[in-house]
Amino acid sequence: MVQRLTYRHRLFYNTTSSKTRLSQTPGNRIVYLYTKKVGKAPKSACGMCPGRLQGVCAMRPKVLKRLSKTKKHVSRCAFLIEEQKIITKVLKAQKAK
């Protein structure tokens, strides 16, 4: 017969805060483990670029607070050049109107 699984927490609705995965214990039991929410990397400041910033850790805010400064920002020479070009185009277009 198959082993029955019960939730460990009280929240039994399948919400984003109560996602689970199955795990096998050393005693050969199958139990639920609660997974953390997935973080997102920050977006570009210009608003025109569709992707997320490369080289910045994708973490939840509480975890991001504990990271070192080098993991929270990018120190490349030509990092914001493309963003600055897009901003100047947008500002010129707004002045033309």
PDB file of N, CA and C in Angstrom:
ATOM      1  N   MET A   1       0.834  -1.187   0.000  1.00  0.00           N
ATOM      2  CA  MET A   1       0.000   0.000   0.000  1.00  0.00           C
ATOM      3  C   MET A   1       0.878   1.250   0.000  1.00  0.00           C
ATOM      4  N   VAL A   2       0.405   2.291  -0.636  1.00  0.00           N
ATOM      5  CA  VAL A   2       1.171   3.528  -0.771  1.00  0.00           C
ATOM      6  C   VAL A   2       1.150   4.305   0.542  1.00  0.00           C
ATOM      7  N   GLN A   3       2.284   4.924   0.865  1.00  0.00           N
ATOM      8  CA  GLN A   3       2.358   5.719   2.081  1.00  0.00           C
ATOM      9  C   GLN A   3       1.555   7.001   1.914  1.00  0.00           C
ATOM     10  N   ARG A   4       0.757   7.326   2.914  1.00  0.00           N
ATOM     11  CA  ARG A   4      -0.038   8.549   2.864  1.00  0.00           C
ATOM     12  C   ARG A   4       0.810   9.713   3.348  1.00  0.00           C
ATOM     13  N   LEU A   5       0.599  10.865   2.723  1.00  0.00           N
ATOM     14  CA  LEU A   5       1.377  12.053   3.066  1.00  0.00           C
ATOM     15  C   LEU A   5       0.483  13.066   3.750  1.00  0.00           C
ATOM     16  N   THR A   6       0.996  13.700   4.780  1.00  0.00           N
ATOM     17  CA  THR A   6       0.267  14.778   5.448  1.00  0.00           C
ATOM     18  C   THR A   6       1.152  16.009   5.459  1.00  0.00           C
ATOM     19  N   TYR A   7       0.499  17.180   5.382  1.00  0.00           N
ATOM     20  CA  TYR A   7       1.236  18.434   5.455  1.00  0.00           C
ATOM     21  C   TYR A   7       1.804  18.619   6.860  1.00  0.00           C
ATOM     22  N   ARG A   8       2.931  19.307   6.949  1.00  0.00           N
ATOM     23  CA  ARG A   8       3.534  19.563   8.249  1.00  0.00           C
ATOM     24  C   ARG A   8       3.029  20.875   8.840  1.00  0.00           C
ATOM     25  N   HIS A   9       2.644  21.811   7.974  1.00  0.00           N
ATOM     26  CA  HIS A   9       2.126  23.097   8.440  1.00  0.00           C
ATOM     27  C   HIS A   9       0.609  23.057   8.458  1.00  0.00           C
ATOM     28  N   ARG A  10       0.008  24.097   9.019  1.00  0.00           N
ATOM     29  CA  ARG A  10      -1.448  24.137   9.087  1.00  0.00           C
ATOM     30  C   ARG A  10      -2.081  24.562   7.772  1.00  0.00           C
ATOM     31  N   LEU A  11      -1.360  25.339   6.984  1.00  0.00           N
ATOM     32  CA  LEU A  11      -1.928  25.854   5.736  1.00  0.00           C
ATOM     33  C   LEU A  11      -1.974  24.729   4.709  1.00  0.00           C
ATOM     34  N   PHE A  12      -3.168  24.277   4.378  1.00  0.00           N
ATOM     35  CA  PHE A  12      -3.293  23.126   3.486  1.00  0.00           C
ATOM     36  C   PHE A  12      -3.770  23.505   2.101  1.00  0.00           C
ATOM     37  N   TYR A  13      -4.001  24.800   1.839  1.00  0.00           N
ATOM     38  CA  TYR A  13      -4.361  25.227   0.493  1.00  0.00           C
ATOM     39  C   TYR A  13      -3.091  25.314  -0.356  1.00  0.00           C
ATOM     40  N   ASN A  14      -3.246  25.077  -1.645  1.00  0.00           N
ATOM     41  CA  ASN A  14      -2.086  25.066  -2.541  1.00  0.00           C
ATOM     42  C   ASN A  14      -1.791  26.490  -3.006  1.00  0.00           C
ATOM     43  N   THR A  15      -1.255  27.292  -2.125  1.00  0.00           N
ATOM     44  CA  THR A  15      -0.937  28.679  -2.445  1.00  0.00           C
ATOM     45  C   THR A  15       0.551  28.805  -2.763  1.00  0.00           C
ATOM     46  N   THR A  16       0.964  30.024  -3.137  1.00  0.00           N
ATOM     47  CA  THR A  16       2.376  30.234  -3.474  1.00  0.00           C
ATOM     48  C   THR A  16       3.280  30.107  -2.254  1.00  0.00           C
ATOM     49  N   SER A  17       2.741  30.350  -1.067  1.00  0.00           N
ATOM     50  CA  SER A  17       3.574  30.264   0.135  1.00  0.00           C
ATOM     51  C   SER A  17       3.643  28.849   0.694  1.00  0.00           C
ATOM     52  N   SER A  18       2.865  27.918   0.156  1.00  0.00           N
ATOM     53  CA  SER A  18       2.893  26.556   0.700  1.00  0.00           C
ATOM     54  C   SER A  18       3.199  25.524  -0.380  1.00  0.00           C
ATOM     55  N   LYS A  19       4.151  25.833  -1.251  1.00  0.00           N
ATOM     56  CA  LYS A  19       4.572  24.865  -2.261  1.00  0.00           C
ATOM     57  C   LYS A  19       5.475  23.818  -1.612  1.00  0.00           C
ATOM     58  N   THR A  20       5.330  22.581  -2.041  1.00  0.00           N
ATOM     59  CA  THR A  20       6.083  21.501  -1.418  1.00  0.00           C
ATOM     60  C   THR A  20       6.768  20.646  -2.475  1.00  0.00           C
ATOM     61  N   ARG A  21       7.717  19.851  -2.012  1.00  0.00           N
ATOM     62  CA  ARG A  21       8.326  18.824  -2.847  1.00  0.00           C
ATOM     63  C   ARG A  21       8.486  17.580  -1.987  1.00  0.00           C
ATOM     64  N   LEU A  22       8.599  16.448  -2.646  1.00  0.00           N
ATOM     65  CA  LEU A  22       8.732  15.187  -1.925  1.00  0.00           C
ATOM     66  C   LEU A  22      10.201  14.890  -1.655  1.00  0.00           C
ATOM     67  N   SER A  23      10.464  14.326  -0.492  1.00  0.00           N
ATOM     68  CA  SER A  23      11.827  13.975  -0.124  1.00  0.00           C
ATOM     69  C   SER A  23      11.807  12.642   0.618  1.00  0.00           C
ATOM     70  N   GLN A  24      12.822  11.849   0.387  1.00  0.00           N
ATOM     71  CA  GLN A  24      12.918  10.559   1.063  1.00  0.00           C
ATOM     72  C   GLN A  24      13.914  10.673   2.210  1.00  0.00           C
ATOM     73  N   THR A  25      13.503  10.267   3.392  1.00  0.00           N
ATOM     74  CA  THR A  25      14.337  10.362   4.584  1.00  0.00           C
ATOM     75  C   THR A  25      15.269   9.156   4.669  1.00  0.00           C
ATOM     76  N   PRO A  26      16.283   9.218   5.538  1.00  0.00           N
ATOM     77  CA  PRO A  26      17.147   8.054   5.725  1.00  0.00           C
ATOM     78  C   PRO A  26      16.396   6.832   6.263  1.00  0.00           C
ATOM     79  N   GLY A  27      15.277   7.062   6.943  1.00  0.00           N
ATOM     80  CA  GLY A  27      14.465   5.954   7.445  1.00  0.00           C
ATOM     81  C   GLY A  27      13.511   5.407   6.406  1.00  0.00           C
ATOM     82  N   ASN A  28      13.699   5.815   5.138  1.00  0.00           N
ATOM     83  CA  ASN A  28      12.927   5.334   3.995  1.00  0.00           C
ATOM     84  C   ASN A  28      11.460   5.755   4.066  1.00  0.00           C
ATOM     85  N   ARG A  29      11.218   6.942   4.605  1.00  0.00           N
ATOM     86  CA  ARG A  29       9.873   7.516   4.578  1.00  0.00           C
ATOM     87  C   ARG A  29       9.857   8.628   3.544  1.00  0.00           C
ATOM     88  N   ILE A  30       8.711   8.903   2.976  1.00  0.00           N
ATOM     89  CA  ILE A  30       8.553  10.014   2.047  1.00  0.00           C
ATOM     90  C   ILE A  30       7.792  11.113   2.771  1.00  0.00           C
ATOM     91  N   VAL A  31       8.373  12.310   2.800  1.00  0.00           N
ATOM     92  CA  VAL A  31       7.765  13.435   3.515  1.00  0.00           C
ATOM     93  C   VAL A  31       7.730  14.657   2.602  1.00  0.00           C
ATOM     94  N   TYR A  32       6.917  15.627   2.974  1.00  0.00           N
ATOM     95  CA  TYR A  32       6.858  16.902   2.272  1.00  0.00           C
ATOM     96  C   TYR A  32       7.938  17.830   2.809  1.00  0.00           C
ATOM     97  N   LEU A  33       8.637  18.519   1.913  1.00  0.00           N
ATOM     98  CA  LEU A  33       9.524  19.616   2.291  1.00  0.00           C
ATOM     99  C   LEU A  33       8.977  20.882   1.663  1.00  0.00           C
ATOM    100  N   TYR A  34       8.897  21.937   2.437  1.00  0.00           N
ATOM    101  CA  TYR A  34       8.364  23.198   1.936  1.00  0.00           C
ATOM    102  C   TYR A  34       9.463  23.958   1.208  1.00  0.00           C
ATOM    103  N   THR A  35       9.171  24.373  -0.016  1.00  0.00           N
ATOM    104  CA  THR A  35      10.161  25.084  -0.828  1.00  0.00           C
ATOM    105  C   THR A  35      10.028  26.584  -0.620  1.00  0.00           C
ATOM    106  N   LYS A  36      11.130  27.277  -0.789  1.00  0.00           N
ATOM    107  CA  LYS A  36      11.122  28.737  -0.674  1.00  0.00           C
ATOM    108  C   LYS A  36      10.639  29.347  -1.982  1.00  0.00           C
ATOM    109  N   LYS A  37      10.200  30.582  -1.909  1.00  0.00           N
ATOM    110  CA  LYS A  37       9.790  31.280  -3.122  1.00  0.00           C
ATOM    111  C   LYS A  37      11.022  31.624  -3.953  1.00  0.00           C
ATOM    112  N   VAL A  38      10.851  31.655  -5.259  1.00  0.00           N
ATOM    113  CA  VAL A  38      11.957  31.945  -6.170  1.00  0.00           C
ATOM    114  C   VAL A  38      12.102  33.457  -6.300  1.00  0.00           C
ATOM    115  N   GLY A  39      13.331  33.945  -6.195  1.00  0.00           N
ATOM    116  CA  GLY A  39      13.573  35.366  -6.328  1.00  0.00           C
ATOM    117  C   GLY A  39      13.731  35.784  -7.771  1.00  0.00           C
ATOM    118  N   LYS A  40      13.657  37.089  -8.009  1.00  0.00           N
ATOM    119  CA  LYS A  40      13.835  37.631  -9.352  1.00  0.00           C
ATOM    120  C   LYS A  40      14.981  38.631  -9.336  1.00  0.00           C
ATOM    121  N   ALA A  41      15.747  38.653 -10.414  1.00  0.00           N
ATOM    122  CA  ALA A  41      16.817  39.638 -10.550  1.00  0.00           C
ATOM    123  C   ALA A  41      16.195  40.992 -10.858  1.00  0.00           C
ATOM    124  N   PRO A  42      16.858  42.090 -10.507  1.00  0.00           N
ATOM    125  CA  PRO A  42      16.285  43.411 -10.765  1.00  0.00           C
ATOM    126  C   PRO A  42      16.204  43.729 -12.247  1.00  0.00           C
ATOM    127  N   LYS A  43      15.213  44.547 -12.599  1.00  0.00           N
ATOM    128  CA  LYS A  43      15.033  44.958 -13.988  1.00  0.00           C
ATOM    129  C   LYS A  43      15.930  46.141 -14.305  1.00  0.00           C
ATOM    130  N   SER A  44      16.029  46.459 -15.585  1.00  0.00           N
ATOM    131  CA  SER A  44      16.783  47.626 -16.015  1.00  0.00           C
ATOM    132  C   SER A  44      16.026  48.891 -15.628  1.00  0.00           C
ATOM    133  N   ALA A  45      16.754  49.960 -15.353  1.00  0.00           N
ATOM    134  CA  ALA A  45      16.129  51.193 -14.895  1.00  0.00           C
ATOM    135  C   ALA A  45      15.420  51.949 -16.011  1.00  0.00           C
ATOM    136  N   CYS A  46      15.782  51.681 -17.263  1.00  0.00           N
ATOM    137  CA  CYS A  46      15.224  52.470 -18.357  1.00  0.00           C
ATOM    138  C   CYS A  46      13.769  52.115 -18.638  1.00  0.00           C
ATOM    139  N   GLY A  47      13.363  50.894 -18.384  1.00  0.00           N
ATOM    140  CA  GLY A  47      11.987  50.494 -18.635  1.00  0.00           C
ATOM    141  C   GLY A  47      11.739  50.013 -20.046  1.00  0.00           C
ATOM    142  N   MET A  48      12.681  50.210 -20.957  1.00  0.00           N
ATOM    143  CA  MET A  48      12.516  49.783 -22.345  1.00  0.00           C
ATOM    144  C   MET A  48      13.079  48.375 -22.559  1.00  0.00           C
ATOM    145  N   CYS A  49      14.112  48.018 -21.823  1.00  0.00           N
ATOM    146  CA  CYS A  49      14.746  46.711 -21.993  1.00  0.00           C
ATOM    147  C   CYS A  49      13.871  45.628 -21.365  1.00  0.00           C
ATOM    148  N   PRO A  50      13.615  44.542 -22.093  1.00  0.00           N
ATOM    149  CA  PRO A  50      12.700  43.528 -21.568  1.00  0.00           C
ATOM    150  C   PRO A  50      13.309  42.604 -20.515  1.00  0.00           C
ATOM    151  N   GLY A  51      14.618  42.387 -20.560  1.00  0.00           N
ATOM    152  CA  GLY A  51      15.229  41.382 -19.697  1.00  0.00           C
ATOM    153  C   GLY A  51      15.574  41.896 -18.315  1.00  0.00           C
ATOM    154  N   ARG A  52      16.202  41.026 -17.559  1.00  0.00           N
ATOM    155  CA  ARG A  52      16.663  41.357 -16.217  1.00  0.00           C
ATOM    156  C   ARG A  52      18.167  41.626 -16.262  1.00  0.00           C
ATOM    157  N   LEU A  53      18.699  42.261 -15.228  1.00  0.00           N
ATOM    158  CA  LEU A  53      20.117  42.608 -15.197  1.00  0.00           C
ATOM    159  C   LEU A  53      20.976  41.360 -15.018  1.00  0.00           C
ATOM    160  N   GLN A  54      22.013  41.265 -15.828  1.00  0.00           N
ATOM    161  CA  GLN A  54      22.931  40.136 -15.761  1.00  0.00           C
ATOM    162  C   GLN A  54      23.986  40.406 -14.690  1.00  0.00           C
ATOM    163  N   GLY A  55      24.368  39.384 -13.971  1.00  0.00           N
ATOM    164  CA  GLY A  55      25.426  39.514 -12.982  1.00  0.00           C
ATOM    165  C   GLY A  55      24.954  39.895 -11.600  1.00  0.00           C
ATOM    166  N   VAL A  56      23.642  40.087 -11.416  1.00  0.00           N
ATOM    167  CA  VAL A  56      23.094  40.402 -10.103  1.00  0.00           C
ATOM    168  C   VAL A  56      22.309  39.183  -9.635  1.00  0.00           C
ATOM    169  N   CYS A  57      22.512  38.791  -8.386  1.00  0.00           N
ATOM    170  CA  CYS A  57      21.864  37.587  -7.869  1.00  0.00           C
ATOM    171  C   CYS A  57      20.350  37.754  -7.825  1.00  0.00           C
ATOM    172  N   ALA A  58      19.642  36.707  -8.216  1.00  0.00           N
ATOM    173  CA  ALA A  58      18.181  36.693  -8.145  1.00  0.00           C
ATOM    174  C   ALA A  58      17.792  36.099  -6.804  1.00  0.00           C
ATOM    175  N   MET A  59      17.447  36.943  -5.860  1.00  0.00           N
ATOM    176  CA  MET A  59      17.149  36.495  -4.501  1.00  0.00           C
ATOM    177  C   MET A  59      15.887  37.174  -3.989  1.00  0.00           C
ATOM    178  N   ARG A  60      15.343  36.615  -2.931  1.00  0.00           N
ATOM    179  CA  ARG A  60      14.240  37.242  -2.224  1.00  0.00           C
ATOM    180  C   ARG A  60      14.811  38.404  -1.406  1.00  0.00           C
ATOM    181  N   PRO A  61      13.995  39.415  -1.079  1.00  0.00           N
ATOM    182  CA  PRO A  61      14.523  40.601  -0.400  1.00  0.00           C
ATOM    183  C   PRO A  61      15.229  40.312   0.927  1.00  0.00           C
ATOM    184  N   LYS A  62      14.702  39.373   1.695  1.00  0.00           N
ATOM    185  CA  LYS A  62      15.307  39.077   2.993  1.00  0.00           C
ATOM    186  C   LYS A  62      16.698  38.475   2.823  1.00  0.00           C
ATOM    187  N   VAL A  63      16.876  37.630   1.821  1.00  0.00           N
ATOM    188  CA  VAL A  63      18.179  37.007   1.559  1.00  0.00           C
ATOM    189  C   VAL A  63      19.118  38.029   0.927  1.00  0.00           C
ATOM    190  N   LEU A  64      18.572  38.888   0.082  1.00  0.00           N
ATOM    191  CA  LEU A  64      19.372  39.908  -0.599  1.00  0.00           C
ATOM    192  C   LEU A  64      19.999  40.875   0.397  1.00  0.00           C
ATOM    193  N   LYS A  65      19.314  41.107   1.501  1.00  0.00           N
ATOM    194  CA  LYS A  65      19.811  42.013   2.527  1.00  0.00           C
ATOM    195  C   LYS A  65      21.091  41.486   3.158  1.00  0.00           C
ATOM    196  N   ARG A  66      21.232  40.173   3.213  1.00  0.00           N
ATOM    197  CA  ARG A  66      22.397  39.565   3.857  1.00  0.00           C
ATOM    198  C   ARG A  66      23.578  39.368   2.917  1.00  0.00           C
ATOM    199  N   LEU A  67      23.397  39.579   1.607  1.00  0.00           N
ATOM    200  CA  LEU A  67      24.479  39.360   0.652  1.00  0.00           C
ATOM    201  C   LEU A  67      25.511  40.473   0.731  1.00  0.00           C
ATOM    202  N   SER A  68      26.698  40.175   0.246  1.00  0.00           N
ATOM    203  CA  SER A  68      27.734  41.198   0.207  1.00  0.00           C
ATOM    204  C   SER A  68      27.458  42.172  -0.937  1.00  0.00           C
ATOM    205  N   LYS A  69      28.112  43.299  -0.890  1.00  0.00           N
ATOM    206  CA  LYS A  69      27.861  44.363  -1.864  1.00  0.00           C
ATOM    207  C   LYS A  69      28.235  43.932  -3.279  1.00  0.00           C
ATOM    208  N   THR A  70      29.264  43.094  -3.401  1.00  0.00           N
ATOM    209  CA  THR A  70      29.707  42.682  -4.733  1.00  0.00           C
ATOM    210  C   THR A  70      28.687  41.800  -5.434  1.00  0.00           C
ATOM    211  N   LYS A  71      27.828  41.137  -4.694  1.00  0.00           N
ATOM    212  CA  LYS A  71      26.813  40.280  -5.298  1.00  0.00           C
ATOM    213  C   LYS A  71      25.521  41.029  -5.591  1.00  0.00           C
ATOM    214  N   LYS A  72      25.415  42.261  -5.100  1.00  0.00           N
ATOM    215  CA  LYS A  72      24.189  43.036  -5.296  1.00  0.00           C
ATOM    216  C   LYS A  72      24.294  44.069  -6.405  1.00  0.00           C
ATOM    217  N   HIS A  73      25.491  44.318  -6.911  1.00  0.00           N
ATOM    218  CA  HIS A  73      25.640  45.287  -7.996  1.00  0.00           C
ATOM    219  C   HIS A  73      26.717  44.809  -8.964  1.00  0.00           C
ATOM    220  N   VAL A  74      26.765  45.451 -10.118  1.00  0.00           N
ATOM    221  CA  VAL A  74      27.699  45.058 -11.163  1.00  0.00           C
ATOM    222  C   VAL A  74      28.742  46.151 -11.315  1.00  0.00           C
ATOM    223  N   SER A  75      30.017  45.780 -11.373  1.00  0.00           N
ATOM    224  CA  SER A  75      31.075  46.770 -11.555  1.00  0.00           C
ATOM    225  C   SER A  75      31.809  46.481 -12.857  1.00  0.00           C
ATOM    226  N   ARG A  76      31.126  46.765 -13.966  1.00  0.00           N
ATOM    227  CA  ARG A  76      31.739  46.618 -15.285  1.00  0.00           C
ATOM    228  C   ARG A  76      31.870  48.002 -15.896  1.00  0.00           C
ATOM    229  N   CYS A  77      32.886  48.184 -16.727  1.00  0.00           N
ATOM    230  CA  CYS A  77      33.159  49.503 -17.292  1.00  0.00           C
ATOM    231  C   CYS A  77      31.993  50.007 -18.142  1.00  0.00           C
ATOM    232  N   ALA A  78      31.502  49.172 -19.034  1.00  0.00           N
ATOM    233  CA  ALA A  78      30.483  49.612 -19.986  1.00  0.00           C
ATOM    234  C   ALA A  78      29.106  49.108 -19.589  1.00  0.00           C
ATOM    235  N   PHE A  79      28.799  49.129 -18.298  1.00  0.00           N
ATOM    236  CA  PHE A  79      27.548  48.525 -17.834  1.00  0.00           C
ATOM    237  C   PHE A  79      26.317  49.325 -18.255  1.00  0.00           C
ATOM    238  N   LEU A  80      26.305  50.614 -17.983  1.00  0.00           N
ATOM    239  CA  LEU A  80      25.089  51.402 -18.214  1.00  0.00           C
ATOM    240  C   LEU A  80      25.111  52.208 -19.506  1.00  0.00           C
ATOM    241  N   ILE A  81      26.047  51.937 -20.404  1.00  0.00           N
ATOM    242  CA  ILE A  81      26.140  52.728 -21.632  1.00  0.00           C
ATOM    243  C   ILE A  81      24.910  52.526 -22.498  1.00  0.00           C
ATOM    244  N   GLU A  82      24.481  51.282 -22.673  1.00  0.00           N
ATOM    245  CA  GLU A  82      23.294  51.013 -23.499  1.00  0.00           C
ATOM    246  C   GLU A  82      22.051  51.628 -22.875  1.00  0.00           C
ATOM    247  N   GLU A  83      21.943  51.547 -21.549  1.00  0.00           N
ATOM    248  CA  GLU A  83      20.792  52.139 -20.877  1.00  0.00           C
ATOM    249  C   GLU A  83      20.778  53.655 -21.053  1.00  0.00           C
ATOM    250  N   GLN A  84      21.962  54.282 -20.998  1.00  0.00           N
ATOM    251  CA  GLN A  84      22.030  55.728 -21.170  1.00  0.00           C
ATOM    252  C   GLN A  84      21.627  56.131 -22.581  1.00  0.00           C
ATOM    253  N   LYS A  85      21.995  55.327 -23.584  1.00  0.00           N
ATOM    254  CA  LYS A  85      21.599  55.621 -24.965  1.00  0.00           C
ATOM    255  C   LYS A  85      20.084  55.571 -25.113  1.00  0.00           C
ATOM    256  N   ILE A  86      19.460  54.576 -24.501  1.00  0.00           N
ATOM    257  CA  ILE A  86      18.003  54.448 -24.591  1.00  0.00           C
ATOM    258  C   ILE A  86      17.319  55.620 -23.901  1.00  0.00           C
ATOM    259  N   ILE A  87      17.841  56.040 -22.760  1.00  0.00           N
ATOM    260  CA  ILE A  87      17.240  57.159 -22.029  1.00  0.00           C
ATOM    261  C   ILE A  87      17.321  58.442 -22.841  1.00  0.00           C
ATOM    262  N   THR A  88      18.465  58.674 -23.503  1.00  0.00           N
ATOM    263  CA  THR A  88      18.578  59.885 -24.321  1.00  0.00           C
ATOM    264  C   THR A  88      17.600  59.854 -25.488  1.00  0.00           C
ATOM    265  N   LYS A  89      17.375  58.677 -26.089  1.00  0.00           N
ATOM    266  CA  LYS A  89      16.389  58.563 -27.169  1.00  0.00           C
ATOM    267  C   LYS A  89      14.991  58.884 -26.674  1.00  0.00           C
ATOM    268  N   VAL A  90      14.652  58.363 -25.500  1.00  0.00           N
ATOM    269  CA  VAL A  90      13.316  58.597 -24.939  1.00  0.00           C
ATOM    270  C   VAL A  90      13.124  60.071 -24.622  1.00  0.00           C
ATOM    271  N   LEU A  91      14.144  60.707 -24.046  1.00  0.00           N
ATOM    272  CA  LEU A  91      14.033  62.128 -23.711  1.00  0.00           C
ATOM    273  C   LEU A  91      13.909  62.989 -24.960  1.00  0.00           C
ATOM    274  N   LYS A  92      14.641  62.648 -26.029  1.00  0.00           N
ATOM    275  CA  LYS A  92      14.521  63.389 -27.286  1.00  0.00           C
ATOM    276  C   LYS A  92      13.132  63.236 -27.877  1.00  0.00           C
ATOM    277  N   ALA A  93      12.593  62.026 -27.788  1.00  0.00           N
ATOM    278  CA  ALA A  93      11.246  61.786 -28.317  1.00  0.00           C
ATOM    279  C   ALA A  93      10.201  62.567 -27.532  1.00  0.00           C
ATOM    280  N   GLN A  94      10.397  62.703 -26.224  1.00  0.00           N
ATOM    281  CA  GLN A  94       9.451  63.462 -25.409  1.00  0.00           C
ATOM    282  C   GLN A  94       9.539  64.957 -25.705  1.00  0.00           C
ATOM    283  N   LYS A  95      10.742  65.463 -25.956  1.00  0.00           N
ATOM    284  CA  LYS A  95      10.892  66.882 -26.287  1.00  0.00           C
ATOM    285  C   LYS A  95      10.308  67.196 -27.652  1.00  0.00           C
ATOM    286  N   ALA A  96      10.389  66.227 -28.575  1.00  0.00           N
ATOM    287  CA  ALA A  96       9.858  66.440 -29.922  1.00  0.00           C
ATOM    288  C   ALA A  96       8.340  66.577 -29.906  1.00  0.00           C
ATOM    289  N   LYS A  97       7.689  65.965 -28.952  1.00  0.00           N
ATOM    290  CA  LYS A  97       6.228  66.059 -28.853  1.00  0.00           C
ATOM    291  C   LYS A  97       5.843  67.397 -28.390  1.00  0.00           C
TER     292      LYS A  97
END
